[in-house]
C-alpha atoms as a PDB file:
ATOM      1  CA  MET A   1      41.867  38.116  16.614  1.00  0.00           C
ATOM      2  CA  GLN A   2      41.110  40.551  13.774  1.00  0.00           C
ATOM      3  CA  LEU A   3      42.886  43.314  15.689  1.00  0.00           C
ATOM      4  CA  VAL A   4      45.997  41.154  16.022  1.00  0.00           C
ATOM      5  CA  LEU A   5      45.962  40.331  12.311  1.00  0.00           C
ATOM      6  CA  VAL A   6      45.632  44.009  11.350  1.00  0.00           C
ATOM      7  CA  GLY A   7      48.525  44.750  13.716  1.00  0.00           C
ATOM      8  CA  LEU A   8      50.659  42.045  12.119  1.00  0.00           C
ATOM      9  CA  GLY A   9      49.780  43.398   8.691  1.00  0.00           C
ATOM     10  CA  GLY A  10      50.786  46.863   9.882  1.00  0.00           C
ATOM     11  CA  PHE A  11      54.072  45.510  11.204  1.00  0.00           C
ATOM     12  CA  ALA A  12      54.820  43.833   7.867  1.00  0.00           C
ATOM     13  CA  GLY A  13      53.818  46.966   5.943  1.00  0.00           C
ATOM     14  CA  ALA A  14      56.011  49.208   8.078  1.00  0.00           C
ATOM     15  CA  VAL A  15      58.990  46.877   7.622  1.00  0.00           C
ATOM     16  CA  ALA A  16      58.374  46.725   3.869  1.00  0.00           C
ATOM     17  CA  ARG A  17      58.152  50.520   3.709  1.00  0.00           C
ATOM     18  CA  TRP A  18      61.415  50.897   5.634  1.00  0.00           C
ATOM     19  CA  ALA A  19      63.162  48.328   3.410  1.00  0.00           C
ATOM     20  CA  VAL A  20      61.970  49.740   0.056  1.00  0.00           C
ATOM     21  CA  ASP A  21      62.623  53.357   1.049  1.00  0.00           C
ATOM     22  CA  GLY A  22      66.048  52.551   2.479  1.00  0.00           C
ATOM     23  CA  TRP A  23      67.090  50.456  -0.492  1.00  0.00           C
ATOM     24  CA  LEU A  24      66.095  53.145  -3.001  1.00  0.00           C
ATOM     25  CA  SER A  25      67.511  56.020  -0.957  1.00  0.00           C
ATOM     26  CA  GLU A  26      70.902  54.277  -0.666  1.00  0.00           C
ATOM     27  CA  ARG A  27      71.071  53.842  -4.438  1.00  0.00           C
ATOM     28  CA  ASN A  28      69.805  57.346  -5.268  1.00  0.00           C
ATOM     29  CA  PRO A  29      71.388  59.777  -2.803  1.00  0.00           C
ATOM     30  CA  THR A  30      69.666  62.964  -3.951  1.00  0.00           C
ATOM     31  CA  ALA A  31      67.429  65.582  -2.354  1.00  0.00           C
ATOM     32  CA  PHE A  32      64.412  64.114  -4.161  1.00  0.00           C
ATOM     33  CA  PRO A  33      62.572  61.609  -1.919  1.00  0.00           C
ATOM     34  CA  ILE A  34      62.441  58.803  -4.492  1.00  0.00           C
ATOM     35  CA  GLY A  35      61.866  56.116  -1.863  1.00  0.00           C
ATOM     36  CA  THR A  36      58.700  57.781  -0.591  1.00  0.00           C
ATOM     37  CA  LEU A  37      57.427  58.350  -4.120  1.00  0.00           C
ATOM     38  CA  VAL A  38      57.967  54.695  -5.073  1.00  0.00           C
ATOM     39  CA  VAL A  39      56.380  53.454  -1.842  1.00  0.00           C
ATOM     40  CA  ASN A  40      53.341  55.688  -2.385  1.00  0.00           C
ATOM     41  CA  LEU A  41      52.938  54.599  -6.016  1.00  0.00           C
ATOM     42  CA  THR A  42      53.416  50.875  -5.386  1.00  0.00           C
ATOM     43  CA  GLY A  43      51.105  51.026  -2.367  1.00  0.00           C
ATOM     44  CA  THR A  44      48.458  52.840  -4.375  1.00  0.00           C
ATOM     45  CA  PHE A  45      48.791  50.334  -7.219  1.00  0.00           C
ATOM     46  CA  LEU A  46      48.489  47.391  -4.804  1.00  0.00           C
ATOM     47  CA  LEU A  47      45.454  48.961  -3.153  1.00  0.00           C
ATOM     48  CA  GLY A  48      43.831  49.269  -6.579  1.00  0.00           C
ATOM     49  CA  VAL A  49      44.582  45.610  -7.366  1.00  0.00           C
ATOM     50  CA  LEU A  50      43.274  44.441  -3.997  1.00  0.00           C
ATOM     51  CA  PHE A  51      40.140  46.570  -4.196  1.00  0.00           C
ATOM     52  CA  ALA A  52      39.230  45.263  -7.642  1.00  0.00           C
ATOM     53  CA  TRP A  53      40.119  41.675  -6.825  1.00  0.00           C
ATOM     54  CA  VAL A  54      39.119  41.370  -3.187  1.00  0.00           C
ATOM     55  CA  ILE A  55      36.193  43.781  -2.805  1.00  0.00           C
ATOM     56  CA  GLU A  56      34.618  43.848  -6.265  1.00  0.00           C
ATOM     57  CA  ARG A  57      35.036  40.120  -6.866  1.00  0.00           C
ATOM     58  CA  ASN A  58      34.791  39.046  -3.236  1.00  0.00           C
ATOM     59  CA  VAL A  59      37.795  36.737  -3.680  1.00  0.00           C
ATOM     60  CA  LEU A  60      39.181  36.766  -0.146  1.00  0.00           C
ATOM     61  CA  PRO A  61      37.223  36.459   3.078  1.00  0.00           C
ATOM     62  CA  ALA A  62      36.538  39.632   5.055  1.00  0.00           C
ATOM     63  CA  GLU A  63      38.938  38.451   7.767  1.00  0.00           C
ATOM     64  CA  VAL A  64      41.844  38.746   5.306  1.00  0.00           C
ATOM     65  CA  ARG A  65      40.859  42.084   3.779  1.00  0.00           C
ATOM     66  CA  ALA A  66      41.510  44.280   6.811  1.00  0.00           C
ATOM     67  CA  PRO A  67      44.993  42.890   7.566  1.00  0.00           C
ATOM     68  CA  LEU A  68      46.022  43.375   3.929  1.00  0.00           C
ATOM     69  CA  MET A  69      44.328  46.625   3.015  1.00  0.00           C
ATOM     70  CA  ILE A  70      44.258  48.471   6.342  1.00  0.00           C
ATOM     71  CA  GLY A  71      47.171  46.823   8.152  1.00  0.00           C
ATOM     72  CA  PHE A  72      49.805  46.196   5.505  1.00  0.00           C
ATOM     73  CA  LEU A  73      49.033  48.930   2.984  1.00  0.00           C
ATOM     74  CA  GLY A  74      48.055  51.436   5.673  1.00  0.00           C
ATOM     75  CA  ALA A  75      51.503  51.102   7.226  1.00  0.00           C
ATOM     76  CA  TYR A  76      53.312  50.725   3.906  1.00  0.00           C
ATOM     77  CA  THR A  77      52.128  53.918   2.249  1.00  0.00           C
ATOM     78  CA  THR A  78      53.690  57.101   3.455  1.00  0.00           C
ATOM     79  CA  PHE A  79      51.426  60.092   2.999  1.00  0.00           C
ATOM     80  CA  SER A  80      52.589  61.874   6.144  1.00  0.00           C
ATOM     81  CA  THR A  81      56.233  61.388   5.190  1.00  0.00           C
ATOM     82  CA  PHE A  82      55.415  62.579   1.678  1.00  0.00           C
ATOM     83  CA  MET A  83      53.920  65.799   3.054  1.00  0.00           C
ATOM     84  CA  LEU A  84      56.826  66.434   5.434  1.00  0.00           C
ATOM     85  CA  GLU A  85      59.441  65.786   2.752  1.00  0.00           C
ATOM     86  CA  SER A  86      57.626  68.099   0.349  1.00  0.00           C
ATOM     87  CA  TRP A  87      57.523  70.848   2.971  1.00  0.00           C
ATOM     88  CA  ARG A  88      61.208  70.393   3.781  1.00  0.00           C
ATOM     89  CA  LEU A  89      62.050  70.779   0.080  1.00  0.00           C
ATOM     90  CA  ILE A  90      60.083  74.049   0.066  1.00  0.00           C
ATOM     91  CA  GLU A  91      61.873  75.230   3.212  1.00  0.00           C
ATOM     92  CA  ASP A  92      65.207  74.440   1.550  1.00  0.00           C
ATOM     93  CA  GLY A  93      64.192  76.523  -1.470  1.00  0.00           C
ATOM     94  CA  ALA A  94      63.977  73.465  -3.738  1.00  0.00           C
ATOM     95  CA  TRP A  95      60.622  74.496  -5.164  1.00  0.00           C
ATOM     96  CA  ALA A  96      61.041  72.560  -8.405  1.00  0.00           C
ATOM     97  CA  LEU A  97      61.728  69.334  -6.518  1.00  0.00           C
ATOM     98  CA  ALA A  98      58.790  69.990  -4.177  1.00  0.00           C
ATOM     99  CA  VAL A  99      56.423  70.552  -7.088  1.00  0.00           C
ATOM    100  CA  ALA A 100      57.789  67.466  -8.874  1.00  0.00           C
ATOM    101  CA  ASN A 101      57.237  65.401  -5.724  1.00  0.00           C
ATOM    102  CA  LEU A 102      53.730  66.729  -5.086  1.00  0.00           C
ATOM    103  CA  ALA A 103      52.519  66.652  -8.681  1.00  0.00           C
ATOM    104  CA  GLY A 104      54.281  63.384  -9.450  1.00  0.00           C
ATOM    105  CA  SER A 105      52.767  61.631  -6.466  1.00  0.00           C
ATOM    106  CA  VAL A 106      49.260  62.912  -7.155  1.00  0.00           C
ATOM    107  CA  VAL A 107      49.216  62.402 -10.929  1.00  0.00           C
ATOM    108  CA  LEU A 108      51.158  59.150 -10.923  1.00  0.00           C
ATOM    109  CA  GLY A 109      49.144  58.002  -7.889  1.00  0.00           C
ATOM    110  CA  VAL A 110      45.927  58.289  -9.895  1.00  0.00           C
ATOM    111  CA  VAL A 111      47.597  56.416 -12.758  1.00  0.00           C
ATOM    112  CA  ALA A 112      48.799  53.748 -10.287  1.00  0.00           C
ATOM    113  CA  VAL A 113      45.349  53.189  -8.784  1.00  0.00           C
ATOM    114  CA  LEU A 114      43.808  52.981 -12.275  1.00  0.00           C
ATOM    115  CA  GLY A 115      46.481  50.485 -13.289  1.00  0.00           C
ATOM    116  CA  GLY A 116      45.912  48.501 -10.118  1.00  0.00           C
ATOM    117  CA  LEU A 117      42.169  48.427 -10.675  1.00  0.00           C
ATOM    118  CA  ALA A 118      42.695  47.275 -14.263  1.00  0.00           C
ATOM    119  CA  VAL A 119      45.042  44.468 -13.178  1.00  0.00           C
ATOM    120  CA  GLY A 120      42.773  43.492 -10.298  1.00  0.00           C
ATOM    121  CA  ARG A 121      39.779  43.301 -12.616  1.00  0.00           C
ATOM    122  CA  LEU A 122      41.700  40.975 -14.955  1.00  0.00           C
ATOM    123  CA  LEU A 123      42.496  38.492 -12.197  1.00  0.00           C
ATOM    124  CA  PRO A 124      40.432  35.316 -12.074  1.00  0.00           C
END
């Protein structure tokens, strides 16, 4: 049953990723992959919240952790897409955009996980 729940979480995460990325990309038609950046940052933030709340405080049962953290967030975040998009920017000669994407995702990703941990630790 756990495997099915992780799979359902992955399905929901993949659909959420597709929806967020598509929505942002339609509204910001530029070479910069804003949808992937936002998905990576929100996923990282949510993982920080869940880790602090679910793991550190043991709020949810173990049966719920894997579908949320591995299934949903594992499918929602987009590291492989992030790497491919960064490489394609480099191939296109858009070095500044590639560096902005790489550095922004890494630096802001650390900020997002710290923010998520802080929020998660404030939850009851």
